């Protein structure tokens, strides 16, 4: 008799809190067998069962309850804990407002240090710069950025404004590569240089390229590509120059982070981050990182089940234990 199929799981990721990856049918049977007068501690249904009837409010409340466990277990109560867990979205002014609202609610008297867990592909540099400064201004003494996986481009800019960046073996920063819509500004500039070079070698192609550029980009957008990259350097210098021992090197580090890499997705891992920023600034093996790794894993698993059961995804922007900071989106709307 064939065995019941097991749920597929993402490689290298632990099952979500409250799940043992047992087949759905078996779990349902086990849940039904629990007697009301049982003296055992009541257990919540695994997520794949829970989601069959859960409302958005229920999903948010359970996610927060389960996130609070690793935070408490690793002593994170001493921090005002924030998160930007947005693997598919870009940092924008909404995130800035959400971070400000969370800080105002959770740490209005600046009595705690601020810890920000980052999972982001990047976004607009202006709100990223302000988020970094805001977190620092609300911190009692220290602003800590924790990067369990990727914090690219604008998220890297947020990180370098922190007093410490905590990264694990899979954590990665990236080049500070501002975006023009969905396109990297430096990539657009490089493409324009390549087109100009080809047109110079083949004069007959110049008119064709000119028509194409008029359709693809405005004159204002072309000029913006260069200006926004220069602005990224200025923002990075301002954040870096506040760090002890980095004042004289701030300009060089900023130039390297903006112009020194050829690809938006280039991996700046923990070793390379230490080369840029120093061992004192980049931390690993910390309790903050351990808590963030568990939260990241649980976040990924909840999203896995949400996608299967409801074609939805969950993001966190703001206070990680604030219901208003937990957002649900329809996958098909993307």
Foldseek 3Di string as FASTA:
>chain_A
DDDDDFDDDDPPFDAAPLDDSGDPVVLVVVVVPDDPPDPDDDGDRRLLVCLQDDDLVRLLQVLLVRLVVLCVVLVVPQEQEAEFFCQPDEDDVVLLVQALVQLCVRQVPQNGQYEYEYRYLYHAQVSLLVSLVSNCVSHNHFYEYEFAAEQEASSVLSHLLGQAYEYDQRGFYAFNFYDDVPHGLVVVLVVVVVVVVVCVVPVVCVVVVVVVCVVVDDPVSNVVSVVSLVVQLVSQLVSQCVHPPCVVVSNVLSCCSRPVDDDRPDTCHQVNVCVSRNPVRYHYPGSSNVSSSSSVSNQVNSQVSCCVNPQKHWTARHRSNDSVRIDIDHNVVD
